[in-house]
Amino acid sequence: MTETVDRPVGVALIGTGMWGRRLADALQRTTALRLACCYSRDEARRRAFAADFRCQAAPSFEAAVDHPEVEGVLLATPNYVHREQALACAERRRHVFVEKPIADTVTDGQAMAAACQAAGVTLLVGHQMRRLGAARRVKALLEEGVLGTVVLAEANFSLHGMLTPGQWRAHRRTCPGGPLMQLGVHHADTLQYLLGPVVRVRGAFARLVTSAEVDDVAVAVLEFAAGAQGTLTSSYVSPKTYSLRLYGTAAVLDYQTEMAVWPDVHRLDAATTLTLRRDVGAVPVAFTPRDPLVEELEEFARCVRGTARPETGAAEALAALRVVLAAVRSHELGAAAVAE
């Protein structure tokens, strides 16, 4: 189901890679926003993208953001340029939608938040996995007390990564935390959405298979403020996996997604099963599929029009980022780290 605003919000899309195309596809499934122009550094790629999605190919980042029909900017760009680009948007009074993670450092994320607040523009961060219908159903089950008290959580998000030397994800400077920063950060957000804040993290990283500089596997042991313990794992060298298991005193909930449909996020719910397990047996849990990319983009449009606030703004995005960075810090120190 899509929602409308009084008139479509004109947006510029920065970054025309795989995820930029996912966002552009989602824009075609809503009338709340209109893609005015796109930009990426590769001229041939941006021209092909513009032809595919019937928008203008801007000759520069500045030209895209300054386009007269643009009110908001969608940043589907590497983490390490998020701060610079978001600040440039805020300076021009353009609303900002940035893909997760918000940035590579808390300082950069806070600077983005401060600049957008000072300019009076929205900063919405693309943590779309919590918006899936399955995740919303899990949240409702927890609020209804179906699981009792949750004492343990297990989560994994893994994909074969592009870790060739020319890829920014292959280097520690541009992708600290490796798969935990790019993939596990989704669960770092969703788990805190479901179970509340994480207060302490112990992390372990290793480079086991690839020749890339960055680690290709990661483990974070989480302590939630409410007392539950959790494990968050991620791999850049394993087949596509997205799973979550919550252990409660009354029941165990299994959340399993057949990731063959990735990266078509709007198809994930149809490939997901929720199973509630008790001592007497297991039963499937029904839920309503959702289109999380469209939902977050439509929320962005409402924020631009002043009728909504971001569900995943700077505070939520920084909370997820802190979990990842605490895991990195813990690995380096050989001790648990506070998520701060």
C-alpha atoms as a PDB file:
ATOM      1  CA  MET A   1       0.000   0.000   0.000  1.00  0.00           C
ATOM      2  CA  THR A   2       1.395   3.400  -0.949  1.00  0.00           C
ATOM      3  CA  GLU A   3       0.647   6.828   0.422  1.00  0.00           C
ATOM      4  CA  THR A   4       0.471  10.158  -1.315  1.00  0.00           C
ATOM      5  CA  VAL A   5       1.582  13.665  -0.416  1.00  0.00           C
ATOM      6  CA  ASP A   6       0.095  16.904  -1.687  1.00  0.00           C
ATOM      7  CA  ARG A   7       2.537  16.872  -4.613  1.00  0.00           C
ATOM      8  CA  PRO A   8       5.449  14.570  -5.494  1.00  0.00           C
ATOM      9  CA  VAL A   9       8.743  15.407  -3.814  1.00  0.00           C
ATOM     10  CA  GLY A  10      11.484  15.929  -6.371  1.00  0.00           C
ATOM     11  CA  VAL A  11      14.638  14.009  -5.485  1.00  0.00           C
ATOM     12  CA  ALA A  12      18.164  13.552  -6.756  1.00  0.00           C
ATOM     13  CA  LEU A  13      19.747  10.111  -6.455  1.00  0.00           C
ATOM     14  CA  ILE A  14      23.485  10.085  -5.813  1.00  0.00           C
ATOM     15  CA  GLY A  15      25.099   6.725  -6.534  1.00  0.00           C
ATOM     16  CA  THR A  16      23.934   4.559  -9.433  1.00  0.00           C
ATOM     17  CA  GLY A  17      25.269   1.190  -8.339  1.00  0.00           C
ATOM     18  CA  MET A  18      23.319  -1.866  -7.229  1.00  0.00           C
ATOM     19  CA  TRP A  19      21.582  -0.174  -4.303  1.00  0.00           C
ATOM     20  CA  GLY A  20      20.940   3.020  -6.213  1.00  0.00           C
ATOM     21  CA  ARG A  21      19.002   0.903  -8.693  1.00  0.00           C
ATOM     22  CA  ARG A  22      16.990  -0.687  -5.885  1.00  0.00           C
ATOM     23  CA  LEU A  23      15.984   2.781  -4.683  1.00  0.00           C
ATOM     24  CA  ALA A  24      15.145   3.912  -8.202  1.00  0.00           C
ATOM     25  CA  ASP A  25      12.996   0.806  -8.682  1.00  0.00           C
ATOM     26  CA  ALA A  26      11.175   1.609  -5.437  1.00  0.00           C
ATOM     27  CA  LEU A  27      10.553   5.176  -6.627  1.00  0.00           C
ATOM     28  CA  GLN A  28       8.643   3.705  -9.550  1.00  0.00           C
ATOM     29  CA  ARG A  29       6.301   1.948  -7.098  1.00  0.00           C
ATOM     30  CA  THR A  30       5.127   5.185  -5.453  1.00  0.00           C
ATOM     31  CA  THR A  31       3.757   8.544  -6.562  1.00  0.00           C
ATOM     32  CA  ALA A  32       4.971  10.357  -3.447  1.00  0.00           C
ATOM     33  CA  LEU A  33       8.369  11.142  -4.955  1.00  0.00           C
ATOM     34  CA  ARG A  34       9.718  11.844  -8.403  1.00  0.00           C
ATOM     35  CA  LEU A  35      13.267  11.167  -9.549  1.00  0.00           C
ATOM     36  CA  ALA A  36      14.450  14.426 -11.104  1.00  0.00           C
ATOM     37  CA  CYS A  37      18.109  13.590 -11.680  1.00  0.00           C
ATOM     38  CA  CYS A  38      20.951  11.253 -10.821  1.00  0.00           C
ATOM     39  CA  TYR A  39      24.701  11.468 -10.435  1.00  0.00           C
ATOM     40  CA  SER A  40      27.658   9.137 -10.168  1.00  0.00           C
ATOM     41  CA  ARG A  41      31.302   9.727 -11.010  1.00  0.00           C
ATOM     42  CA  ASP A  42      31.220   7.322 -13.972  1.00  0.00           C
ATOM     43  CA  GLU A  43      29.666   9.308 -16.831  1.00  0.00           C
ATOM     44  CA  ALA A  44      28.694   6.258 -18.897  1.00  0.00           C
ATOM     45  CA  ARG A  45      27.042   4.620 -15.901  1.00  0.00           C
ATOM     46  CA  ARG A  46      25.031   7.685 -14.917  1.00  0.00           C
ATOM     47  CA  ARG A  47      23.858   8.259 -18.494  1.00  0.00           C
ATOM     48  CA  ALA A  48      22.722   4.649 -18.761  1.00  0.00           C
ATOM     49  CA  PHE A  49      21.000   4.936 -15.389  1.00  0.00           C
ATOM     50  CA  ALA A  50      19.242   8.149 -16.450  1.00  0.00           C
ATOM     51  CA  ALA A  51      18.006   6.477 -19.607  1.00  0.00           C
ATOM     52  CA  ASP A  52      16.733   3.456 -17.673  1.00  0.00           C
ATOM     53  CA  PHE A  53      14.847   5.533 -15.106  1.00  0.00           C
ATOM     54  CA  ARG A  54      13.871   8.505 -17.286  1.00  0.00           C
ATOM     55  CA  CYS A  55      15.608  11.251 -15.346  1.00  0.00           C
ATOM     56  CA  GLN A  56      18.345  13.777 -16.033  1.00  0.00           C
ATOM     57  CA  ALA A  57      22.006  12.810 -15.695  1.00  0.00           C
ATOM     58  CA  ALA A  58      23.624  15.631 -13.740  1.00  0.00           C
ATOM     59  CA  PRO A  59      27.216  16.506 -14.693  1.00  0.00           C
ATOM     60  CA  SER A  60      28.321  16.862 -11.048  1.00  0.00           C
ATOM     61  CA  PHE A  61      27.222  16.223  -7.485  1.00  0.00           C
ATOM     62  CA  GLU A  62      26.654  19.950  -7.005  1.00  0.00           C
ATOM     63  CA  ALA A  63      24.546  20.196 -10.151  1.00  0.00           C
ATOM     64  CA  ALA A  64      22.359  17.310  -8.965  1.00  0.00           C
ATOM     65  CA  VAL A  65      21.775  18.804  -5.522  1.00  0.00           C
ATOM     66  CA  ASP A  66      21.202  22.293  -6.953  1.00  0.00           C
ATOM     67  CA  HIS A  67      18.703  21.061  -9.551  1.00  0.00           C
ATOM     68  CA  PRO A  68      15.683  23.399  -9.329  1.00  0.00           C
ATOM     69  CA  GLU A  69      13.196  20.522  -8.968  1.00  0.00           C
ATOM     70  CA  VAL A  70      15.129  18.794  -6.173  1.00  0.00           C
ATOM     71  CA  GLU A  71      13.863  19.066  -2.598  1.00  0.00           C
ATOM     72  CA  GLY A  72      15.522  15.960  -1.206  1.00  0.00           C
ATOM     73  CA  VAL A  73      18.642  13.942  -1.950  1.00  0.00           C
ATOM     74  CA  LEU A  74      18.992  10.152  -1.747  1.00  0.00           C
ATOM     75  CA  LEU A  75      22.569   9.163  -0.925  1.00  0.00           C
ATOM     76  CA  ALA A  76      23.393   5.603  -2.030  1.00  0.00           C
ATOM     77  CA  THR A  77      27.113   6.177  -1.757  1.00  0.00           C
ATOM     78  CA  PRO A  78      30.079   4.721   0.186  1.00  0.00           C
ATOM     79  CA  ASN A  79      29.993   5.273   3.943  1.00  0.00           C
ATOM     80  CA  TYR A  80      33.109   7.381   4.050  1.00  0.00           C
ATOM     81  CA  VAL A  81      31.592  10.178   1.913  1.00  0.00           C
ATOM     82  CA  HIS A  82      28.262  10.381   3.760  1.00  0.00           C
ATOM     83  CA  ARG A  83      29.332  13.240   6.028  1.00  0.00           C
ATOM     84  CA  GLU A  84      30.719  15.411   3.238  1.00  0.00           C
ATOM     85  CA  GLN A  85      27.698  14.863   1.016  1.00  0.00           C
ATOM     86  CA  ALA A  86      25.088  15.255   3.757  1.00  0.00           C
ATOM     87  CA  LEU A  87      26.648  18.523   4.911  1.00  0.00           C
ATOM     88  CA  ALA A  88      26.651  19.819   1.339  1.00  0.00           C
ATOM     89  CA  CYS A  89      22.956  18.956   1.061  1.00  0.00           C
ATOM     90  CA  ALA A  90      22.115  20.623   4.375  1.00  0.00           C
ATOM     91  CA  GLU A  91      24.000  23.756   3.329  1.00  0.00           C
ATOM     92  CA  ARG A  92      21.697  23.957   0.308  1.00  0.00           C
ATOM     93  CA  ARG A  93      18.582  23.253   2.429  1.00  0.00           C
ATOM     94  CA  ARG A  94      18.027  19.877   0.816  1.00  0.00           C
ATOM     95  CA  HIS A  95      16.479  17.093   2.874  1.00  0.00           C
ATOM     96  CA  VAL A  96      18.701  14.027   3.241  1.00  0.00           C
ATOM     97  CA  PHE A  97      17.985  10.327   2.897  1.00  0.00           C
ATOM     98  CA  VAL A  98      21.189   8.352   3.440  1.00  0.00           C
ATOM     99  CA  GLU A  99      21.660   4.610   3.243  1.00  0.00           C
ATOM    100  CA  LYS A 100      22.894   2.822   6.327  1.00  0.00           C
ATOM    101  CA  PRO A 101      25.247   3.034   8.076  1.00  0.00           C
ATOM    102  CA  ILE A 102      24.846   6.711   8.775  1.00  0.00           C
ATOM    103  CA  ALA A 103      28.638   7.102   8.634  1.00  0.00           C
ATOM    104  CA  ASP A 104      31.850   5.334   9.617  1.00  0.00           C
ATOM    105  CA  THR A 105      32.261   7.222  12.887  1.00  0.00           C
ATOM    106  CA  VAL A 106      29.949   8.555  15.564  1.00  0.00           C
ATOM    107  CA  THR A 107      31.555  11.982  15.179  1.00  0.00           C
ATOM    108  CA  ASP A 108      30.669  12.090  11.490  1.00  0.00           C
ATOM    109  CA  GLY A 109      27.102  10.926  12.165  1.00  0.00           C
ATOM    110  CA  GLN A 110      26.657  13.555  14.847  1.00  0.00           C
ATOM    111  CA  ALA A 111      27.975  16.245  12.494  1.00  0.00           C
ATOM    112  CA  MET A 112      25.426  15.176   9.877  1.00  0.00           C
ATOM    113  CA  ALA A 113      22.624  15.324  12.424  1.00  0.00           C
ATOM    114  CA  ALA A 114      23.704  18.754  13.679  1.00  0.00           C
ATOM    115  CA  ALA A 115      23.977  20.207  10.176  1.00  0.00           C
ATOM    116  CA  CYS A 116      20.545  18.956   9.133  1.00  0.00           C
ATOM    117  CA  GLN A 117      18.957  20.172  12.349  1.00  0.00           C
ATOM    118  CA  ALA A 118      20.526  23.620  11.966  1.00  0.00           C
ATOM    119  CA  ALA A 119      19.309  23.816   8.369  1.00  0.00           C
ATOM    120  CA  GLY A 120      15.817  22.673   9.318  1.00  0.00           C
ATOM    121  CA  VAL A 121      15.911  19.665   6.995  1.00  0.00           C
ATOM    122  CA  THR A 122      15.207  15.968   7.497  1.00  0.00           C
ATOM    123  CA  LEU A 123      17.880  13.326   8.005  1.00  0.00           C
ATOM    124  CA  LEU A 124      16.437   9.854   7.455  1.00  0.00           C
ATOM    125  CA  VAL A 125      18.703   6.788   7.454  1.00  0.00           C
ATOM    126  CA  GLY A 126      17.840   3.744   5.355  1.00  0.00           C
ATOM    127  CA  HIS A 127      17.518   0.992   7.961  1.00  0.00           C
ATOM    128  CA  GLN A 128      14.741  -0.689   6.008  1.00  0.00           C
ATOM    129  CA  MET A 129      14.931  -4.212   7.474  1.00  0.00           C
ATOM    130  CA  ARG A 130      12.984  -3.247  10.609  1.00  0.00           C
ATOM    131  CA  ARG A 131      10.142  -2.166   8.293  1.00  0.00           C
ATOM    132  CA  LEU A 132       9.616  -5.647   6.857  1.00  0.00           C
ATOM    133  CA  GLY A 133       6.246  -7.176   7.648  1.00  0.00           C
ATOM    134  CA  ALA A 134       7.944 -10.053   9.464  1.00  0.00           C
ATOM    135  CA  ALA A 135       9.883  -7.668  11.706  1.00  0.00           C
ATOM    136  CA  ARG A 136       6.734  -5.673  12.484  1.00  0.00           C
ATOM    137  CA  ARG A 137       4.963  -8.917  13.441  1.00  0.00           C
ATOM    138  CA  VAL A 138       7.828  -9.905  15.738  1.00  0.00           C
ATOM    139  CA  LYS A 139       7.580  -6.515  17.434  1.00  0.00           C
ATOM    140  CA  ALA A 140       3.835  -7.056  17.990  1.00  0.00           C
ATOM    141  CA  LEU A 141       4.418 -10.528  19.442  1.00  0.00           C
ATOM    142  CA  LEU A 142       6.938  -9.090  21.890  1.00  0.00           C
ATOM    143  CA  GLU A 143       4.565  -6.318  22.921  1.00  0.00           C
ATOM    144  CA  GLU A 144       1.821  -8.911  23.443  1.00  0.00           C
ATOM    145  CA  GLY A 145       4.137 -10.940  25.703  1.00  0.00           C
ATOM    146  CA  VAL A 146       3.854 -14.083  23.588  1.00  0.00           C
ATOM    147  CA  LEU A 147       7.532 -14.971  24.097  1.00  0.00           C
ATOM    148  CA  GLY A 148       7.570 -14.146  27.788  1.00  0.00           C
ATOM    149  CA  THR A 149      10.874 -12.552  28.814  1.00  0.00           C
ATOM    150  CA  VAL A 150      13.442 -12.651  26.005  1.00  0.00           C
ATOM    151  CA  VAL A 151      16.741 -13.902  27.398  1.00  0.00           C
ATOM    152  CA  LEU A 152      18.767 -14.655  24.252  1.00  0.00           C
ATOM    153  CA  ALA A 153      18.954 -13.484  20.639  1.00  0.00           C
ATOM    154  CA  GLU A 154      20.861 -14.897  17.681  1.00  0.00           C
ATOM    155  CA  ALA A 155      21.136 -12.993  14.382  1.00  0.00           C
ATOM    156  CA  ASN A 156      23.087 -13.431  11.168  1.00  0.00           C
ATOM    157  CA  PHE A 157      23.317 -11.495   7.912  1.00  0.00           C
ATOM    158  CA  SER A 158      25.817 -12.785   5.359  1.00  0.00           C
ATOM    159  CA  LEU A 159      26.454 -12.202   1.660  1.00  0.00           C
ATOM    160  CA  HIS A 160      29.314 -12.908  -0.692  1.00  0.00           C
ATOM    161  CA  GLY A 161      31.055  -9.540  -0.743  1.00  0.00           C
ATOM    162  CA  MET A 162      32.818  -7.724  -3.579  1.00  0.00           C
ATOM    163  CA  LEU A 163      36.252  -7.531  -2.010  1.00  0.00           C
ATOM    164  CA  THR A 164      38.513  -6.962  -5.003  1.00  0.00           C
ATOM    165  CA  PRO A 165      41.245  -4.320  -4.462  1.00  0.00           C
ATOM    166  CA  GLY A 166      39.308  -1.648  -6.365  1.00  0.00           C
ATOM    167  CA  GLN A 167      36.239  -1.963  -4.116  1.00  0.00           C
ATOM    168  CA  TRP A 168      35.958   0.441  -1.171  1.00  0.00           C
ATOM    169  CA  ARG A 169      34.488  -2.370   0.964  1.00  0.00           C
ATOM    170  CA  ALA A 170      37.811  -4.220   0.739  1.00  0.00           C
ATOM    171  CA  HIS A 171      39.762  -1.720   2.853  1.00  0.00           C
ATOM    172  CA  ARG A 172      39.775  -1.001   6.584  1.00  0.00           C
ATOM    173  CA  ARG A 173      40.030   2.757   6.081  1.00  0.00           C
ATOM    174  CA  THR A 174      36.859   2.936   4.007  1.00  0.00           C
ATOM    175  CA  CYS A 175      34.960   0.008   5.561  1.00  0.00           C
ATOM    176  CA  PRO A 176      35.921  -0.458   9.217  1.00  0.00           C
ATOM    177  CA  GLY A 177      34.155  -3.477  10.652  1.00  0.00           C
ATOM    178  CA  GLY A 178      33.856  -5.233   7.293  1.00  0.00           C
ATOM    179  CA  PRO A 179      30.667  -7.311   7.023  1.00  0.00           C
ATOM    180  CA  LEU A 180      29.462  -6.183  10.439  1.00  0.00           C
ATOM    181  CA  MET A 181      29.462  -2.560   9.246  1.00  0.00           C
ATOM    182  CA  GLN A 182      27.744  -3.265   5.931  1.00  0.00           C
ATOM    183  CA  LEU A 183      25.442  -6.178   6.771  1.00  0.00           C
ATOM    184  CA  GLY A 184      25.316  -6.777  10.513  1.00  0.00           C
ATOM    185  CA  VAL A 185      24.429  -3.148  11.127  1.00  0.00           C
ATOM    186  CA  HIS A 186      20.923  -4.006   9.876  1.00  0.00           C
ATOM    187  CA  HIS A 187      20.476  -6.441  12.757  1.00  0.00           C
ATOM    188  CA  ALA A 188      22.147  -3.961  15.135  1.00  0.00           C
ATOM    189  CA  ASP A 189      19.237  -1.647  14.357  1.00  0.00           C
ATOM    190  CA  THR A 190      16.460  -4.241  14.249  1.00  0.00           C
ATOM    191  CA  LEU A 191      17.525  -5.983  17.456  1.00  0.00           C
ATOM    192  CA  GLN A 192      17.471  -2.685  19.358  1.00  0.00           C
ATOM    193  CA  TYR A 193      14.103  -1.853  17.789  1.00  0.00           C
ATOM    194  CA  LEU A 194      12.831  -5.173  19.147  1.00  0.00           C
ATOM    195  CA  LEU A 195      14.687  -5.570  22.453  1.00  0.00           C
ATOM    196  CA  GLY A 196      15.889  -2.114  23.463  1.00  0.00           C
ATOM    197  CA  PRO A 197      19.370  -0.618  23.694  1.00  0.00           C
ATOM    198  CA  VAL A 198      22.625  -2.552  23.694  1.00  0.00           C
ATOM    199  CA  VAL A 199      24.958  -1.413  26.468  1.00  0.00           C
ATOM    200  CA  ARG A 200      28.034  -3.633  26.090  1.00  0.00           C
ATOM    201  CA  VAL A 201      29.660  -5.482  23.194  1.00  0.00           C
ATOM    202  CA  ARG A 202      32.453  -8.006  22.801  1.00  0.00           C
ATOM    203  CA  GLY A 203      33.703  -8.382  19.220  1.00  0.00           C
ATOM    204  CA  ALA A 204      35.879 -10.798  17.261  1.00  0.00           C
ATOM    205  CA  PHE A 205      36.933 -10.419  13.623  1.00  0.00           C
ATOM    206  CA  ALA A 206      39.018 -12.538  11.251  1.00  0.00           C
ATOM    207  CA  ARG A 207      40.166 -12.670   7.655  1.00  0.00           C
ATOM    208  CA  LEU A 208      39.835 -16.326   6.756  1.00  0.00           C
ATOM    209  CA  VAL A 209      39.258 -16.666   3.021  1.00  0.00           C
ATOM    210  CA  THR A 210      39.804 -13.516   0.991  1.00  0.00           C
ATOM    211  CA  SER A 211      42.988 -11.600   0.235  1.00  0.00           C
ATOM    212  CA  ALA A 212      41.271  -8.290   0.988  1.00  0.00           C
ATOM    213  CA  GLU A 213      42.602  -6.040   3.708  1.00  0.00           C
ATOM    214  CA  VAL A 214      39.287  -6.011   5.548  1.00  0.00           C
ATOM    215  CA  ASP A 215      38.149  -8.910   7.750  1.00  0.00           C
ATOM    216  CA  ASP A 216      35.647 -11.227   6.090  1.00  0.00           C
ATOM    217  CA  VAL A 217      33.896 -12.656   9.171  1.00  0.00           C
ATOM    218  CA  ALA A 218      32.681 -10.953  12.346  1.00  0.00           C
ATOM    219  CA  VAL A 219      31.067 -11.871  15.657  1.00  0.00           C
ATOM    220  CA  ALA A 220      29.582  -9.501  18.231  1.00  0.00           C
ATOM    221  CA  VAL A 221      28.315 -10.655  21.619  1.00  0.00           C
ATOM    222  CA  LEU A 222      25.702  -8.210  22.856  1.00  0.00           C
ATOM    223  CA  GLU A 223      24.424  -7.281  26.296  1.00  0.00           C
ATOM    224  CA  PHE A 224      21.074  -5.503  26.243  1.00  0.00           C
ATOM    225  CA  ALA A 225      20.089  -2.987  28.896  1.00  0.00           C
ATOM    226  CA  ALA A 226      17.113  -5.199  29.796  1.00  0.00           C
ATOM    227  CA  GLY A 227      19.499  -8.070  30.568  1.00  0.00           C
ATOM    228  CA  ALA A 228      19.149 -10.288  27.491  1.00  0.00           C
ATOM    229  CA  GLN A 229      22.283 -11.574  25.807  1.00  0.00           C
ATOM    230  CA  GLY A 230      22.761 -11.861  22.071  1.00  0.00           C
ATOM    231  CA  THR A 231      25.076 -12.843  19.243  1.00  0.00           C
ATOM    232  CA  LEU A 232      25.304 -10.952  15.962  1.00  0.00           C
ATOM    233  CA  THR A 233      27.361 -12.619  13.240  1.00  0.00           C
ATOM    234  CA  SER A 234      28.154 -11.701   9.658  1.00  0.00           C
ATOM    235  CA  SER A 235      30.238 -13.038   6.781  1.00  0.00           C
ATOM    236  CA  TYR A 236      31.397 -11.719   3.423  1.00  0.00           C
ATOM    237  CA  VAL A 237      32.331 -15.207   2.199  1.00  0.00           C
ATOM    238  CA  SER A 238      29.215 -17.297   2.903  1.00  0.00           C
ATOM    239  CA  PRO A 239      26.026 -17.823   0.876  1.00  0.00           C
ATOM    240  CA  LYS A 240      23.195 -15.340   1.372  1.00  0.00           C
ATOM    241  CA  THR A 241      21.761 -15.682   4.876  1.00  0.00           C
ATOM    242  CA  TYR A 242      19.314 -13.591   6.895  1.00  0.00           C
ATOM    243  CA  SER A 243      18.080 -15.109  10.135  1.00  0.00           C
ATOM    244  CA  LEU A 244      16.970 -14.175  13.622  1.00  0.00           C
ATOM    245  CA  ARG A 245      16.062 -16.324  16.602  1.00  0.00           C
ATOM    246  CA  LEU A 246      14.670 -14.996  19.869  1.00  0.00           C
ATOM    247  CA  TYR A 247      14.599 -17.209  22.950  1.00  0.00           C
ATOM    248  CA  GLY A 248      11.961 -16.282  25.511  1.00  0.00           C
ATOM    249  CA  THR A 249      10.825 -17.868  28.754  1.00  0.00           C
ATOM    250  CA  ALA A 250       7.505 -18.832  27.127  1.00  0.00           C
ATOM    251  CA  ALA A 251       8.468 -19.525  23.519  1.00  0.00           C
ATOM    252  CA  VAL A 252      11.218 -19.390  20.899  1.00  0.00           C
ATOM    253  CA  LEU A 253      10.677 -17.451  17.682  1.00  0.00           C
ATOM    254  CA  ASP A 254      12.474 -18.410  14.460  1.00  0.00           C
ATOM    255  CA  TYR A 255      12.725 -15.846  11.644  1.00  0.00           C
ATOM    256  CA  GLN A 256      14.154 -17.348   8.453  1.00  0.00           C
ATOM    257  CA  THR A 257      14.393 -15.766   5.013  1.00  0.00           C
ATOM    258  CA  GLU A 258      15.203 -17.563   1.765  1.00  0.00           C
ATOM    259  CA  MET A 259      17.672 -14.992   0.451  1.00  0.00           C
ATOM    260  CA  ALA A 260      17.650 -16.136  -3.176  1.00  0.00           C
ATOM    261  CA  VAL A 261      15.420 -13.085  -3.806  1.00  0.00           C
ATOM    262  CA  TRP A 262      18.046 -10.615  -2.531  1.00  0.00           C
ATOM    263  CA  PRO A 263      18.573  -7.745  -3.349  1.00  0.00           C
ATOM    264  CA  ASP A 264      14.873  -7.324  -4.201  1.00  0.00           C
ATOM    265  CA  VAL A 265      13.925  -6.188  -0.711  1.00  0.00           C
ATOM    266  CA  HIS A 266      10.214  -5.937  -1.494  1.00  0.00           C
ATOM    267  CA  ARG A 267      10.232  -9.719  -2.087  1.00  0.00           C
ATOM    268  CA  LEU A 268      11.839 -10.657   1.237  1.00  0.00           C
ATOM    269  CA  ASP A 269       8.618 -11.013   3.216  1.00  0.00           C
ATOM    270  CA  ALA A 270       7.232 -13.474   0.667  1.00  0.00           C
ATOM    271  CA  ALA A 271      10.382 -15.546   1.186  1.00  0.00           C
ATOM    272  CA  THR A 272      10.242 -15.394   5.003  1.00  0.00           C
ATOM    273  CA  THR A 273       8.782 -17.756   7.566  1.00  0.00           C
ATOM    274  CA  LEU A 274       8.106 -17.045  11.226  1.00  0.00           C
ATOM    275  CA  THR A 275       7.785 -20.055  13.525  1.00  0.00           C
ATOM    276  CA  LEU A 276       6.781 -20.010  17.185  1.00  0.00           C
ATOM    277  CA  ARG A 277       8.167 -22.946  19.169  1.00  0.00           C
ATOM    278  CA  ARG A 278       6.908 -24.093  22.551  1.00  0.00           C
ATOM    279  CA  ASP A 279       7.395 -27.323  24.485  1.00  0.00           C
ATOM    280  CA  VAL A 280       4.168 -28.665  22.967  1.00  0.00           C
ATOM    281  CA  GLY A 281       5.274 -28.060  19.369  1.00  0.00           C
ATOM    282  CA  ALA A 282       5.798 -25.444  16.684  1.00  0.00           C
ATOM    283  CA  VAL A 283       3.272 -23.295  14.815  1.00  0.00           C
ATOM    284  CA  PRO A 284       3.713 -20.891  11.887  1.00  0.00           C
ATOM    285  CA  VAL A 285       3.038 -17.203  12.485  1.00  0.00           C
ATOM    286  CA  ALA A 286       1.213 -15.265   9.787  1.00  0.00           C
ATOM    287  CA  PHE A 287       2.113 -11.685   8.899  1.00  0.00           C
ATOM    288  CA  THR A 288       1.342  -9.123   6.221  1.00  0.00           C
ATOM    289  CA  PRO A 289       4.100  -8.570   3.613  1.00  0.00           C
ATOM    290  CA  ARG A 290       5.319  -5.015   3.196  1.00  0.00           C
ATOM    291  CA  ASP A 291       7.454  -3.012   0.775  1.00  0.00           C
ATOM    292  CA  PRO A 292      10.026  -1.475   3.139  1.00  0.00           C
ATOM    293  CA  LEU A 293      11.864   0.640   0.579  1.00  0.00           C
ATOM    294  CA  VAL A 294       8.656   2.274  -0.595  1.00  0.00           C
ATOM    295  CA  GLU A 295       7.530   2.779   3.003  1.00  0.00           C
ATOM    296  CA  GLU A 296      10.728   4.539   4.050  1.00  0.00           C
ATOM    297  CA  LEU A 297      10.780   6.681   0.901  1.00  0.00           C
ATOM    298  CA  GLU A 298       7.159   7.693   1.419  1.00  0.00           C
ATOM    299  CA  GLU A 299       7.951   8.535   5.029  1.00  0.00           C
ATOM    300  CA  PHE A 300      10.822  10.676   3.734  1.00  0.00           C
ATOM    301  CA  ALA A 301       8.369  12.487   1.458  1.00  0.00           C
ATOM    302  CA  ARG A 302       6.055  13.171   4.395  1.00  0.00           C
ATOM    303  CA  CYS A 303       9.018  14.452   6.399  1.00  0.00           C
ATOM    304  CA  VAL A 304       9.894  16.845   3.585  1.00  0.00           C
ATOM    305  CA  ARG A 305       6.281  18.084   3.650  1.00  0.00           C
ATOM    306  CA  GLY A 306       6.437  18.469   7.431  1.00  0.00           C
ATOM    307  CA  THR A 307       3.792  15.873   8.288  1.00  0.00           C
ATOM    308  CA  ALA A 308       6.055  13.164   9.748  1.00  0.00           C
ATOM    309  CA  ARG A 309       9.316  12.534  11.568  1.00  0.00           C
ATOM    310  CA  PRO A 310      11.832   9.828  10.618  1.00  0.00           C
ATOM    311  CA  GLU A 311      11.411   6.499  12.346  1.00  0.00           C
ATOM    312  CA  THR A 312      15.096   5.838  11.707  1.00  0.00           C
ATOM    313  CA  GLY A 313      16.708   9.213  12.170  1.00  0.00           C
ATOM    314  CA  ALA A 314      20.143  10.058  13.501  1.00  0.00           C
ATOM    315  CA  ALA A 315      19.513   8.714  17.015  1.00  0.00           C
ATOM    316  CA  GLU A 316      18.473   5.259  15.808  1.00  0.00           C
ATOM    317  CA  ALA A 317      21.224   5.092  13.190  1.00  0.00           C
ATOM    318  CA  LEU A 318      23.894   6.145  15.679  1.00  0.00           C
ATOM    319  CA  ALA A 319      22.687   3.485  18.131  1.00  0.00           C
ATOM    320  CA  ALA A 320      23.242   0.815  15.457  1.00  0.00           C
ATOM    321  CA  LEU A 321      26.609   2.286  14.468  1.00  0.00           C
ATOM    322  CA  ARG A 322      27.773   2.314  18.097  1.00  0.00           C
ATOM    323  CA  VAL A 323      27.213  -1.444  18.337  1.00  0.00           C
ATOM    324  CA  VAL A 324      29.454  -2.066  15.319  1.00  0.00           C
ATOM    325  CA  LEU A 325      32.162   0.323  16.461  1.00  0.00           C
ATOM    326  CA  ALA A 326      32.087  -1.130  19.986  1.00  0.00           C
ATOM    327  CA  ALA A 327      32.670  -4.580  18.486  1.00  0.00           C
ATOM    328  CA  VAL A 328      35.657  -3.249  16.527  1.00  0.00           C
ATOM    329  CA  ARG A 329      37.024  -1.520  19.615  1.00  0.00           C
ATOM    330  CA  SER A 330      36.543  -4.643  21.725  1.00  0.00           C
ATOM    331  CA  HIS A 331      38.435  -6.773  19.192  1.00  0.00           C
ATOM    332  CA  GLU A 332      41.312  -4.312  19.181  1.00  0.00           C
ATOM    333  CA  LEU A 333      41.456  -4.100  22.996  1.00  0.00           C
ATOM    334  CA  GLY A 334      40.732  -7.742  23.721  1.00  0.00           C
ATOM    335  CA  ALA A 335      37.980  -6.771  26.157  1.00  0.00           C
ATOM    336  CA  ALA A 336      34.298  -5.883  26.146  1.00  0.00           C
ATOM    337  CA  ALA A 337      33.492  -2.326  25.058  1.00  0.00           C
ATOM    338  CA  VAL A 338      30.693   0.043  25.983  1.00  0.00           C
ATOM    339  CA  ALA A 339      28.368   0.939  23.100  1.00  0.00           C
ATOM    340  CA  GLU A 340      28.979   4.692  23.176  1.00  0.00           C
END
